[in-house]
Amino acid sequence: MSTITIEISDKLAERLETHRDQLSQILERGLSQIEADKESADDLRARTIRALESTGLIQNLDLTSLVKIPHNYKRQPPLKIPGKPLSEMIIEQRGKL
């Protein structure tokens, strides 16, 4: 059996004091839950990607083949379109409802 030292808040220490003889079980259960949550999140992500690929909504991309945009790349300035901004038009329409 190993011994470890951890720093915890005083409040948590007070809560654990009544369970001193069960600390290894508490840690085991907590760690198992964390690992299960991570596995189910990874599994959900994988299942979601497979479902989207099967419908053709996404394709499995090789990320190493993507072109990197240089850090000094200059974006084109936004187009100047005459008239009111769309956001203002939406706000006006909401006021009429």
PDB file of N, CA and C in Angstrom:
ATOM      1  N   MET A   1       0.852  -1.175   0.000  1.00  0.00           N
ATOM      2  CA  MET A   1       0.000   0.000   0.000  1.00  0.00           C
ATOM      3  C   MET A   1       0.895   1.236   0.000  1.00  0.00           C
ATOM      4  N   SER A   2       0.458   2.270  -0.708  1.00  0.00           N
ATOM      5  CA  SER A   2       1.225   3.512  -0.820  1.00  0.00           C
ATOM      6  C   SER A   2       0.605   4.597   0.039  1.00  0.00           C
ATOM      7  N   THR A   3       1.420   5.590   0.368  1.00  0.00           N
ATOM      8  CA  THR A   3       0.958   6.749   1.112  1.00  0.00           C
ATOM      9  C   THR A   3       1.180   7.974   0.241  1.00  0.00           C
ATOM     10  N   ILE A   4       0.142   8.826   0.157  1.00  0.00           N
ATOM     11  CA  ILE A   4       0.282  10.072  -0.579  1.00  0.00           C
ATOM     12  C   ILE A   4      -0.157  11.219   0.317  1.00  0.00           C
ATOM     13  N   THR A   5       0.357  12.397   0.037  1.00  0.00           N
ATOM     14  CA  THR A   5      -0.023  13.595   0.777  1.00  0.00           C
ATOM     15  C   THR A   5      -0.672  14.553  -0.209  1.00  0.00           C
ATOM     16  N   ILE A   6      -1.857  15.072   0.161  1.00  0.00           N
ATOM     17  CA  ILE A   6      -2.563  16.011  -0.702  1.00  0.00           C
ATOM     18  C   ILE A   6      -2.953  17.237   0.107  1.00  0.00           C
ATOM     19  N   GLU A   7      -3.133  18.354  -0.579  1.00  0.00           N
ATOM     20  CA  GLU A   7      -3.622  19.570   0.057  1.00  0.00           C
ATOM     21  C   GLU A   7      -5.085  19.746  -0.321  1.00  0.00           C
ATOM     22  N   ILE A   8      -5.923  19.904   0.694  1.00  0.00           N
ATOM     23  CA  ILE A   8      -7.354  20.104   0.470  1.00  0.00           C
ATOM     24  C   ILE A   8      -7.808  21.277   1.334  1.00  0.00           C
ATOM     25  N   SER A   9      -8.975  21.801   1.020  1.00  0.00           N
ATOM     26  CA  SER A   9      -9.502  22.924   1.790  1.00  0.00           C
ATOM     27  C   SER A   9      -9.894  22.458   3.188  1.00  0.00           C
ATOM     28  N   ASP A  10      -9.946  23.385   4.114  1.00  0.00           N
ATOM     29  CA  ASP A  10     -10.347  23.066   5.485  1.00  0.00           C
ATOM     30  C   ASP A  10     -11.764  22.519   5.521  1.00  0.00           C
ATOM     31  N   LYS A  11     -12.621  23.075   4.687  1.00  0.00           N
ATOM     32  CA  LYS A  11     -14.022  22.638   4.649  1.00  0.00           C
ATOM     33  C   LYS A  11     -14.119  21.176   4.209  1.00  0.00           C
ATOM     34  N   LEU A  12     -13.345  20.817   3.172  1.00  0.00           N
ATOM     35  CA  LEU A  12     -13.352  19.430   2.710  1.00  0.00           C
ATOM     36  C   LEU A  12     -12.751  18.512   3.765  1.00  0.00           C
ATOM     37  N   ALA A  13     -11.720  18.969   4.422  1.00  0.00           N
ATOM     38  CA  ALA A  13     -11.097  18.165   5.476  1.00  0.00           C
ATOM     39  C   ALA A  13     -12.097  17.863   6.588  1.00  0.00           C
ATOM     40  N   GLU A  14     -12.890  18.855   6.947  1.00  0.00           N
ATOM     41  CA  GLU A  14     -13.931  18.643   7.966  1.00  0.00           C
ATOM     42  C   GLU A  14     -14.941  17.594   7.508  1.00  0.00           C
ATOM     43  N   ARG A  15     -15.354  17.676   6.262  1.00  0.00           N
ATOM     44  CA  ARG A  15     -16.322  16.705   5.726  1.00  0.00           C
ATOM     45  C   ARG A  15     -15.745  15.297   5.709  1.00  0.00           C
ATOM     46  N   LEU A  16     -14.457  15.189   5.365  1.00  0.00           N
ATOM     47  CA  LEU A  16     -13.832  13.867   5.269  1.00  0.00           C
ATOM     48  C   LEU A  16     -13.487  13.267   6.629  1.00  0.00           C
ATOM     49  N   GLU A  17     -13.382  14.092   7.631  1.00  0.00           N
ATOM     50  CA  GLU A  17     -12.978  13.610   8.962  1.00  0.00           C
ATOM     51  C   GLU A  17     -13.883  12.485   9.452  1.00  0.00           C
ATOM     52  N   THR A  18     -15.176  12.600   9.218  1.00  0.00           N
ATOM     53  CA  THR A  18     -16.101  11.562   9.689  1.00  0.00           C
ATOM     54  C   THR A  18     -15.992  10.278   8.865  1.00  0.00           C
ATOM     55  N   HIS A  19     -15.314  10.354   7.728  1.00  0.00           N
ATOM     56  CA  HIS A  19     -15.163   9.189   6.850  1.00  0.00           C
ATOM     57  C   HIS A  19     -13.699   8.758   6.754  1.00  0.00           C
ATOM     58  N   ARG A  20     -12.929   9.067   7.753  1.00  0.00           N
ATOM     59  CA  ARG A  20     -11.486   8.819   7.726  1.00  0.00           C
ATOM     60  C   ARG A  20     -11.151   7.372   7.345  1.00  0.00           C
ATOM     61  N   ASP A  21     -11.887   6.409   7.861  1.00  0.00           N
ATOM     62  CA  ASP A  21     -11.585   4.995   7.582  1.00  0.00           C
ATOM     63  C   ASP A  21     -12.045   4.557   6.192  1.00  0.00           C
ATOM     64  N   GLN A  22     -12.762   5.414   5.478  1.00  0.00           N
ATOM     65  CA  GLN A  22     -13.268   5.069   4.141  1.00  0.00           C
ATOM     66  C   GLN A  22     -12.612   5.896   3.042  1.00  0.00           C
ATOM     67  N   LEU A  23     -11.526   6.600   3.347  1.00  0.00           N
ATOM     68  CA  LEU A  23     -10.921   7.503   2.362  1.00  0.00           C
ATOM     69  C   LEU A  23     -10.497   6.784   1.089  1.00  0.00           C
ATOM     70  N   SER A  24      -9.916   5.600   1.208  1.00  0.00           N
ATOM     71  CA  SER A  24      -9.483   4.898  -0.009  1.00  0.00           C
ATOM     72  C   SER A  24     -10.682   4.512  -0.869  1.00  0.00           C
ATOM     73  N   GLN A  25     -11.794   4.121  -0.244  1.00  0.00           N
ATOM     74  CA  GLN A  25     -13.007   3.792  -1.006  1.00  0.00           C
ATOM     75  C   GLN A  25     -13.578   5.048  -1.676  1.00  0.00           C
ATOM     76  N   ILE A  26     -13.561   6.158  -0.957  1.00  0.00           N
ATOM     77  CA  ILE A  26     -14.074   7.413  -1.519  1.00  0.00           C
ATOM     78  C   ILE A  26     -13.249   7.820  -2.731  1.00  0.00           C
ATOM     79  N   LEU A  27     -11.931   7.741  -2.602  1.00  0.00           N
ATOM     80  CA  LEU A  27     -11.064   8.083  -3.730  1.00  0.00           C
ATOM     81  C   LEU A  27     -11.269   7.126  -4.904  1.00  0.00           C
ATOM     82  N   GLU A  28     -11.407   5.840  -4.610  1.00  0.00           N
ATOM     83  CA  GLU A  28     -11.613   4.842  -5.665  1.00  0.00           C
ATOM     84  C   GLU A  28     -12.910   5.113  -6.415  1.00  0.00           C
ATOM     85  N   ARG A  29     -13.991   5.366  -5.690  1.00  0.00           N
ATOM     86  CA  ARG A  29     -15.280   5.643  -6.335  1.00  0.00           C
ATOM     87  C   ARG A  29     -15.236   6.937  -7.149  1.00  0.00           C
ATOM     88  N   GLY A  30     -14.635   7.974  -6.566  1.00  0.00           N
ATOM     89  CA  GLY A  30     -14.537   9.246  -7.282  1.00  0.00           C
ATOM     90  C   GLY A  30     -13.718   9.125  -8.550  1.00  0.00           C
ATOM     91  N   LEU A  31     -12.586   8.438  -8.460  1.00  0.00           N
ATOM     92  CA  LEU A  31     -11.733   8.253  -9.631  1.00  0.00           C
ATOM     93  C   LEU A  31     -12.435   7.408 -10.692  1.00  0.00           C
ATOM     94  N   SER A  32     -13.125   6.365 -10.264  1.00  0.00           N
ATOM     95  CA  SER A  32     -13.875   5.540 -11.221  1.00  0.00           C
ATOM     96  C   SER A  32     -14.934   6.354 -11.939  1.00  0.00           C
ATOM     97  N   GLN A  33     -15.612   7.230 -11.207  1.00  0.00           N
ATOM     98  CA  GLN A  33     -16.648   8.071 -11.812  1.00  0.00           C
ATOM     99  C   GLN A  33     -16.044   9.042 -12.816  1.00  0.00           C
ATOM    100  N   ILE A  34     -14.924   9.654 -12.466  1.00  0.00           N
ATOM    101  CA  ILE A  34     -14.256  10.589 -13.375  1.00  0.00           C
ATOM    102  C   ILE A  34     -13.825   9.872 -14.646  1.00  0.00           C
ATOM    103  N   GLU A  35     -13.253   8.671 -14.487  1.00  0.00           N
ATOM    104  CA  GLU A  35     -12.819   7.907 -15.660  1.00  0.00           C
ATOM    105  C   GLU A  35     -14.003   7.488 -16.516  1.00  0.00           C
ATOM    106  N   ALA A  36     -15.105   7.096 -15.874  1.00  0.00           N
ATOM    107  CA  ALA A  36     -16.305   6.692 -16.626  1.00  0.00           C
ATOM    108  C   ALA A  36     -16.890   7.877 -17.376  1.00  0.00           C
ATOM    109  N   ASP A  37     -16.903   9.048 -16.739  1.00  0.00           N
ATOM    110  CA  ASP A  37     -17.423  10.243 -17.398  1.00  0.00           C
ATOM    111  C   ASP A  37     -16.590  10.590 -18.623  1.00  0.00           C
ATOM    112  N   LYS A  38     -15.268  10.481 -18.508  1.00  0.00           N
ATOM    113  CA  LYS A  38     -14.392  10.785 -19.635  1.00  0.00           C
ATOM    114  C   LYS A  38     -14.604   9.783 -20.757  1.00  0.00           C
ATOM    115  N   GLU A  39     -14.716   8.500 -20.405  1.00  0.00           N
ATOM    116  CA  GLU A  39     -14.928   7.477 -21.431  1.00  0.00           C
ATOM    117  C   GLU A  39     -16.258   7.694 -22.137  1.00  0.00           C
ATOM    118  N   SER A  40     -17.312   8.025 -21.384  1.00  0.00           N
ATOM    119  CA  SER A  40     -18.611   8.209 -22.031  1.00  0.00           C
ATOM    120  C   SER A  40     -18.611   9.472 -22.892  1.00  0.00           C
ATOM    121  N   ALA A  41     -17.875  10.504 -22.478  1.00  0.00           N
ATOM    122  CA  ALA A  41     -17.783  11.716 -23.306  1.00  0.00           C
ATOM    123  C   ALA A  41     -17.017  11.407 -24.592  1.00  0.00           C
ATOM    124  N   ASP A  42     -15.920  10.645 -24.485  1.00  0.00           N
ATOM    125  CA  ASP A  42     -15.158  10.256 -25.673  1.00  0.00           C
ATOM    126  C   ASP A  42     -16.004   9.363 -26.579  1.00  0.00           C
ATOM    127  N   ASP A  43     -16.760   8.441 -25.969  1.00  0.00           N
ATOM    128  CA  ASP A  43     -17.606   7.535 -26.743  1.00  0.00           C
ATOM    129  C   ASP A  43     -18.710   8.317 -27.457  1.00  0.00           C
ATOM    130  N   LEU A  44     -19.311   9.275 -26.755  1.00  0.00           N
ATOM    131  CA  LEU A  44     -20.360  10.086 -27.371  1.00  0.00           C
ATOM    132  C   LEU A  44     -19.802  10.872 -28.551  1.00  0.00           C
ATOM    133  N   ARG A  45     -18.619  11.438 -28.389  1.00  0.00           N
ATOM    134  CA  ARG A  45     -17.991  12.193 -29.474  1.00  0.00           C
ATOM    135  C   ARG A  45     -17.742  11.286 -30.676  1.00  0.00           C
ATOM    136  N   ALA A  46     -17.204  10.098 -30.419  1.00  0.00           N
ATOM    137  CA  ALA A  46     -16.916   9.161 -31.513  1.00  0.00           C
ATOM    138  C   ALA A  46     -18.204   8.726 -32.212  1.00  0.00           C
ATOM    139  N   ARG A  47     -19.249   8.433 -31.434  1.00  0.00           N
ATOM    140  CA  ARG A  47     -20.523   8.019 -32.037  1.00  0.00           C
ATOM    141  C   ARG A  47     -21.137   9.148 -32.855  1.00  0.00           C
ATOM    142  N   THR A  48     -21.015  10.378 -32.362  1.00  0.00           N
ATOM    143  CA  THR A  48     -21.555  11.525 -33.088  1.00  0.00           C
ATOM    144  C   THR A  48     -20.826  11.721 -34.411  1.00  0.00           C
ATOM    145  N   ILE A  49     -19.509  11.622 -34.382  1.00  0.00           N
ATOM    146  CA  ILE A  49     -18.723  11.772 -35.607  1.00  0.00           C
ATOM    147  C   ILE A  49     -19.070  10.670 -36.598  1.00  0.00           C
ATOM    148  N   ARG A  50     -19.188   9.428 -36.125  1.00  0.00           N
ATOM    149  CA  ARG A  50     -19.559   8.322 -37.028  1.00  0.00           C
ATOM    150  C   ARG A  50     -20.929   8.565 -37.641  1.00  0.00           C
ATOM    151  N   ALA A  51     -21.885   9.042 -36.848  1.00  0.00           N
ATOM    152  CA  ALA A  51     -23.232   9.290 -37.365  1.00  0.00           C
ATOM    153  C   ALA A  51     -23.213  10.386 -38.424  1.00  0.00           C
ATOM    154  N   LEU A  52     -22.477  11.467 -38.170  1.00  0.00           N
ATOM    155  CA  LEU A  52     -22.397  12.546 -39.145  1.00  0.00           C
ATOM    156  C   LEU A  52     -21.682  12.104 -40.411  1.00  0.00           C
ATOM    157  N   GLU A  53     -20.654  11.277 -40.269  1.00  0.00           N
ATOM    158  CA  GLU A  53     -19.947  10.759 -41.453  1.00  0.00           C
ATOM    159  C   GLU A  53     -20.854   9.850 -42.267  1.00  0.00           C
ATOM    160  N   SER A  54     -21.672   9.038 -41.580  1.00  0.00           N
ATOM    161  CA  SER A  54     -22.539   8.105 -42.308  1.00  0.00           C
ATOM    162  C   SER A  54     -23.614   8.826 -43.110  1.00  0.00           C
ATOM    163  N   THR A  55     -24.004  10.019 -42.666  1.00  0.00           N
ATOM    164  CA  THR A  55     -25.013  10.783 -43.405  1.00  0.00           C
ATOM    165  C   THR A  55     -24.390  11.645 -44.490  1.00  0.00           C
ATOM    166  N   GLY A  56     -23.075  11.740 -44.494  1.00  0.00           N
ATOM    167  CA  GLY A  56     -22.396  12.563 -45.484  1.00  0.00           C
ATOM    168  C   GLY A  56     -22.301  14.027 -45.081  1.00  0.00           C
ATOM    169  N   LEU A  57     -22.741  14.344 -43.859  1.00  0.00           N
ATOM    170  CA  LEU A  57     -22.683  15.739 -43.412  1.00  0.00           C
ATOM    171  C   LEU A  57     -21.250  16.195 -43.161  1.00  0.00           C
ATOM    172  N   ILE A  58     -20.399  15.258 -42.779  1.00  0.00           N
ATOM    173  CA  ILE A  58     -18.973  15.578 -42.616  1.00  0.00           C
ATOM    174  C   ILE A  58     -18.173  14.466 -43.253  1.00  0.00           C
ATOM    175  N   GLN A  59     -16.933  14.762 -43.554  1.00  0.00           N
ATOM    176  CA  GLN A  59     -16.016  13.771 -44.088  1.00  0.00           C
ATOM    177  C   GLN A  59     -14.835  13.662 -43.155  1.00  0.00           C
ATOM    178  N   ASN A  60     -14.303  12.465 -43.047  1.00  0.00           N
ATOM    179  CA  ASN A  60     -13.138  12.258 -42.204  1.00  0.00           C
ATOM    180  C   ASN A  60     -11.946  12.945 -42.864  1.00  0.00           C
ATOM    181  N   LEU A  61     -11.473  14.020 -42.255  1.00  0.00           N
ATOM    182  CA  LEU A  61     -10.389  14.797 -42.826  1.00  0.00           C
ATOM    183  C   LEU A  61      -9.060  14.425 -42.190  1.00  0.00           C
ATOM    184  N   ASP A  62      -8.031  14.453 -42.983  1.00  0.00           N
ATOM    185  CA  ASP A  62      -6.674  14.290 -42.479  1.00  0.00           C
ATOM    186  C   ASP A  62      -6.183  15.676 -42.107  1.00  0.00           C
ATOM    187  N   LEU A  63      -6.117  15.943 -40.798  1.00  0.00           N
ATOM    188  CA  LEU A  63      -5.775  17.289 -40.344  1.00  0.00           C
ATOM    189  C   LEU A  63      -4.364  17.701 -40.748  1.00  0.00           C
ATOM    190  N   THR A  64      -3.489  16.731 -41.029  1.00  0.00           N
ATOM    191  CA  THR A  64      -2.122  17.084 -41.415  1.00  0.00           C
ATOM    192  C   THR A  64      -2.081  17.648 -42.824  1.00  0.00           C
ATOM    193  N   SER A  65      -3.133  17.385 -43.614  1.00  0.00           N
ATOM    194  CA  SER A  65      -3.140  17.874 -44.988  1.00  0.00           C
ATOM    195  C   SER A  65      -3.738  19.271 -45.119  1.00  0.00           C
ATOM    196  N   LEU A  66      -4.282  19.810 -44.037  1.00  0.00           N
ATOM    197  CA  LEU A  66      -4.883  21.134 -44.106  1.00  0.00           C
ATOM    198  C   LEU A  66      -3.802  22.193 -44.256  1.00  0.00           C
ATOM    199  N   VAL A  67      -4.120  23.216 -44.995  1.00  0.00           N
ATOM    200  CA  VAL A  67      -3.179  24.302 -45.220  1.00  0.00           C
ATOM    201  C   VAL A  67      -3.202  25.227 -44.009  1.00  0.00           C
ATOM    202  N   LYS A  68      -2.039  25.553 -43.500  1.00  0.00           N
ATOM    203  CA  LYS A  68      -1.964  26.477 -42.383  1.00  0.00           C
ATOM    204  C   LYS A  68      -1.941  27.909 -42.911  1.00  0.00           C
ATOM    205  N   ILE A  69      -2.699  28.770 -42.250  1.00  0.00           N
ATOM    206  CA  ILE A  69      -2.723  30.176 -42.622  1.00  0.00           C
ATOM    207  C   ILE A  69      -1.572  30.856 -41.896  1.00  0.00           C
ATOM    208  N   PRO A  70      -0.731  31.562 -42.613  1.00  0.00           N
ATOM    209  CA  PRO A  70       0.397  32.236 -41.953  1.00  0.00           C
ATOM    210  C   PRO A  70      -0.086  33.224 -40.901  1.00  0.00           C
ATOM    211  N   HIS A  71       0.689  33.381 -39.836  1.00  0.00           N
ATOM    212  CA  HIS A  71       0.285  34.278 -38.761  1.00  0.00           C
ATOM    213  C   HIS A  71       0.248  35.738 -39.197  1.00  0.00           C
ATOM    214  N   ASN A  72       0.935  36.074 -40.262  1.00  0.00           N
ATOM    215  CA  ASN A  72       0.936  37.464 -40.729  1.00  0.00           C
ATOM    216  C   ASN A  72      -0.084  37.686 -41.853  1.00  0.00           C
ATOM    217  N   TYR A  73      -0.995  36.749 -42.047  1.00  0.00           N
ATOM    218  CA  TYR A  73      -2.022  36.861 -43.079  1.00  0.00           C
ATOM    219  C   TYR A  73      -2.945  38.032 -42.764  1.00  0.00           C
ATOM    220  N   LYS A  74      -3.183  38.871 -43.743  1.00  0.00           N
ATOM    221  CA  LYS A  74      -4.060  40.037 -43.582  1.00  0.00           C
ATOM    222  C   LYS A  74      -5.432  39.709 -44.155  1.00  0.00           C
ATOM    223  N   ARG A  75      -6.447  39.823 -43.324  1.00  0.00           N
ATOM    224  CA  ARG A  75      -7.812  39.592 -43.788  1.00  0.00           C
ATOM    225  C   ARG A  75      -8.268  40.764 -44.636  1.00  0.00           C
ATOM    226  N   GLN A  76      -9.139  40.466 -45.556  1.00  0.00           N
ATOM    227  CA  GLN A  76      -9.720  41.519 -46.372  1.00  0.00           C
ATOM    228  C   GLN A  76     -10.629  42.365 -45.480  1.00  0.00           C
ATOM    229  N   PRO A  77     -10.661  43.677 -45.710  1.00  0.00           N
ATOM    230  CA  PRO A  77     -11.565  44.499 -44.900  1.00  0.00           C
ATOM    231  C   PRO A  77     -13.014  44.158 -45.247  1.00  0.00           C
ATOM    232  N   PRO A  78     -13.933  44.356 -44.305  1.00  0.00           N
ATOM    233  CA  PRO A  78     -15.337  44.052 -44.581  1.00  0.00           C
ATOM    234  C   PRO A  78     -15.857  44.900 -45.740  1.00  0.00           C
ATOM    235  N   LEU A  79     -16.795  44.349 -46.473  1.00  0.00           N
ATOM    236  CA  LEU A  79     -17.409  45.095 -47.572  1.00  0.00           C
ATOM    237  C   LEU A  79     -18.278  46.201 -47.011  1.00  0.00           C
ATOM    238  N   LYS A  80     -18.277  47.345 -47.679  1.00  0.00           N
ATOM    239  CA  LYS A  80     -19.136  48.451 -47.276  1.00  0.00           C
ATOM    240  C   LYS A  80     -20.413  48.369 -48.103  1.00  0.00           C
ATOM    241  N   ILE A  81     -21.494  48.022 -47.433  1.00  0.00           N
ATOM    242  CA  ILE A  81     -22.777  47.850 -48.098  1.00  0.00           C
ATOM    243  C   ILE A  81     -23.679  49.000 -47.669  1.00  0.00           C
ATOM    244  N   PRO A  82     -24.292  49.689 -48.629  1.00  0.00           N
ATOM    245  CA  PRO A  82     -25.154  50.820 -48.256  1.00  0.00           C
ATOM    246  C   PRO A  82     -26.404  50.341 -47.519  1.00  0.00           C
ATOM    247  N   GLY A  83     -26.958  51.217 -46.714  1.00  0.00           N
ATOM    248  CA  GLY A  83     -28.183  50.899 -45.988  1.00  0.00           C
ATOM    249  C   GLY A  83     -27.901  50.610 -44.529  1.00  0.00           C
ATOM    250  N   LYS A  84     -28.994  50.286 -43.818  1.00  0.00           N
ATOM    251  CA  LYS A  84     -28.880  50.003 -42.394  1.00  0.00           C
ATOM    252  C   LYS A  84     -28.222  48.643 -42.167  1.00  0.00           C
ATOM    253  N   PRO A  85     -27.524  48.520 -41.062  1.00  0.00           N
ATOM    254  CA  PRO A  85     -27.013  47.198 -40.707  1.00  0.00           C
ATOM    255  C   PRO A  85     -28.173  46.246 -40.409  1.00  0.00           C
ATOM    256  N   LEU A  86     -27.987  45.001 -40.703  1.00  0.00           N
ATOM    257  CA  LEU A  86     -29.024  43.994 -40.500  1.00  0.00           C
ATOM    258  C   LEU A  86     -29.471  43.945 -39.047  1.00  0.00           C
ATOM    259  N   SER A  87     -28.547  44.111 -38.134  1.00  0.00           N
ATOM    260  CA  SER A  87     -28.904  44.051 -36.714  1.00  0.00           C
ATOM    261  C   SER A  87     -29.926  45.144 -36.367  1.00  0.00           C
ATOM    262  N   GLU A  88     -29.754  46.330 -36.920  1.00  0.00           N
ATOM    263  CA  GLU A  88     -30.706  47.410 -36.663  1.00  0.00           C
ATOM    264  C   GLU A  88     -32.068  47.081 -37.253  1.00  0.00           C
ATOM    265  N   MET A  89     -32.092  46.479 -38.449  1.00  0.00           N
ATOM    266  CA  MET A  89     -33.361  46.114 -39.077  1.00  0.00           C
ATOM    267  C   MET A  89     -34.094  45.070 -38.243  1.00  0.00           C
ATOM    268  N   ILE A  90     -33.370  44.127 -37.695  1.00  0.00           N
ATOM    269  CA  ILE A  90     -33.995  43.087 -36.858  1.00  0.00           C
ATOM    270  C   ILE A  90     -34.578  43.707 -35.601  1.00  0.00           C
ATOM    271  N   ILE A  91     -33.835  44.617 -34.970  1.00  0.00           N
ATOM    272  CA  ILE A  91     -34.327  45.269 -33.759  1.00  0.00           C
ATOM    273  C   ILE A  91     -35.596  46.056 -34.052  1.00  0.00           C
ATOM    274  N   GLU A  92     -35.638  46.754 -35.182  1.00  0.00           N
ATOM    275  CA  GLU A  92     -36.837  47.497 -35.568  1.00  0.00           C
ATOM    276  C   GLU A  92     -38.026  46.568 -35.757  1.00  0.00           C
ATOM    277  N   GLN A  93     -37.804  45.433 -36.408  1.00  0.00           N
ATOM    278  CA  GLN A  93     -38.894  44.497 -36.652  1.00  0.00           C
ATOM    279  C   GLN A  93     -39.392  43.886 -35.353  1.00  0.00           C
ATOM    280  N   ARG A  94     -38.516  43.629 -34.431  1.00  0.00           N
ATOM    281  CA  ARG A  94     -38.954  43.073 -33.140  1.00  0.00           C
ATOM    282  C   ARG A  94     -39.812  44.074 -32.382  1.00  0.00           C
ATOM    283  N   GLY A  95     -39.493  45.352 -32.556  1.00  0.00           N
ATOM    284  CA  GLY A  95     -40.282  46.375 -31.884  1.00  0.00           C
ATOM    285  C   GLY A  95     -41.704  46.475 -32.421  1.00  0.00           C
ATOM    286  N   LYS A  96     -41.918  46.045 -33.667  1.00  0.00           N
ATOM    287  CA  LYS A  96     -43.242  46.112 -34.285  1.00  0.00           C
ATOM    288  C   LYS A  96     -44.112  44.905 -33.918  1.00  0.00           C
ATOM    289  N   LEU A  97     -43.518  43.861 -33.361  1.00  0.00           N
ATOM    290  CA  LEU A  97     -44.291  42.645 -33.047  1.00  0.00           C
ATOM    291  C   LEU A  97     -45.120  42.787 -31.812  1.00  0.00           C
TER     292      LEU A  97
END
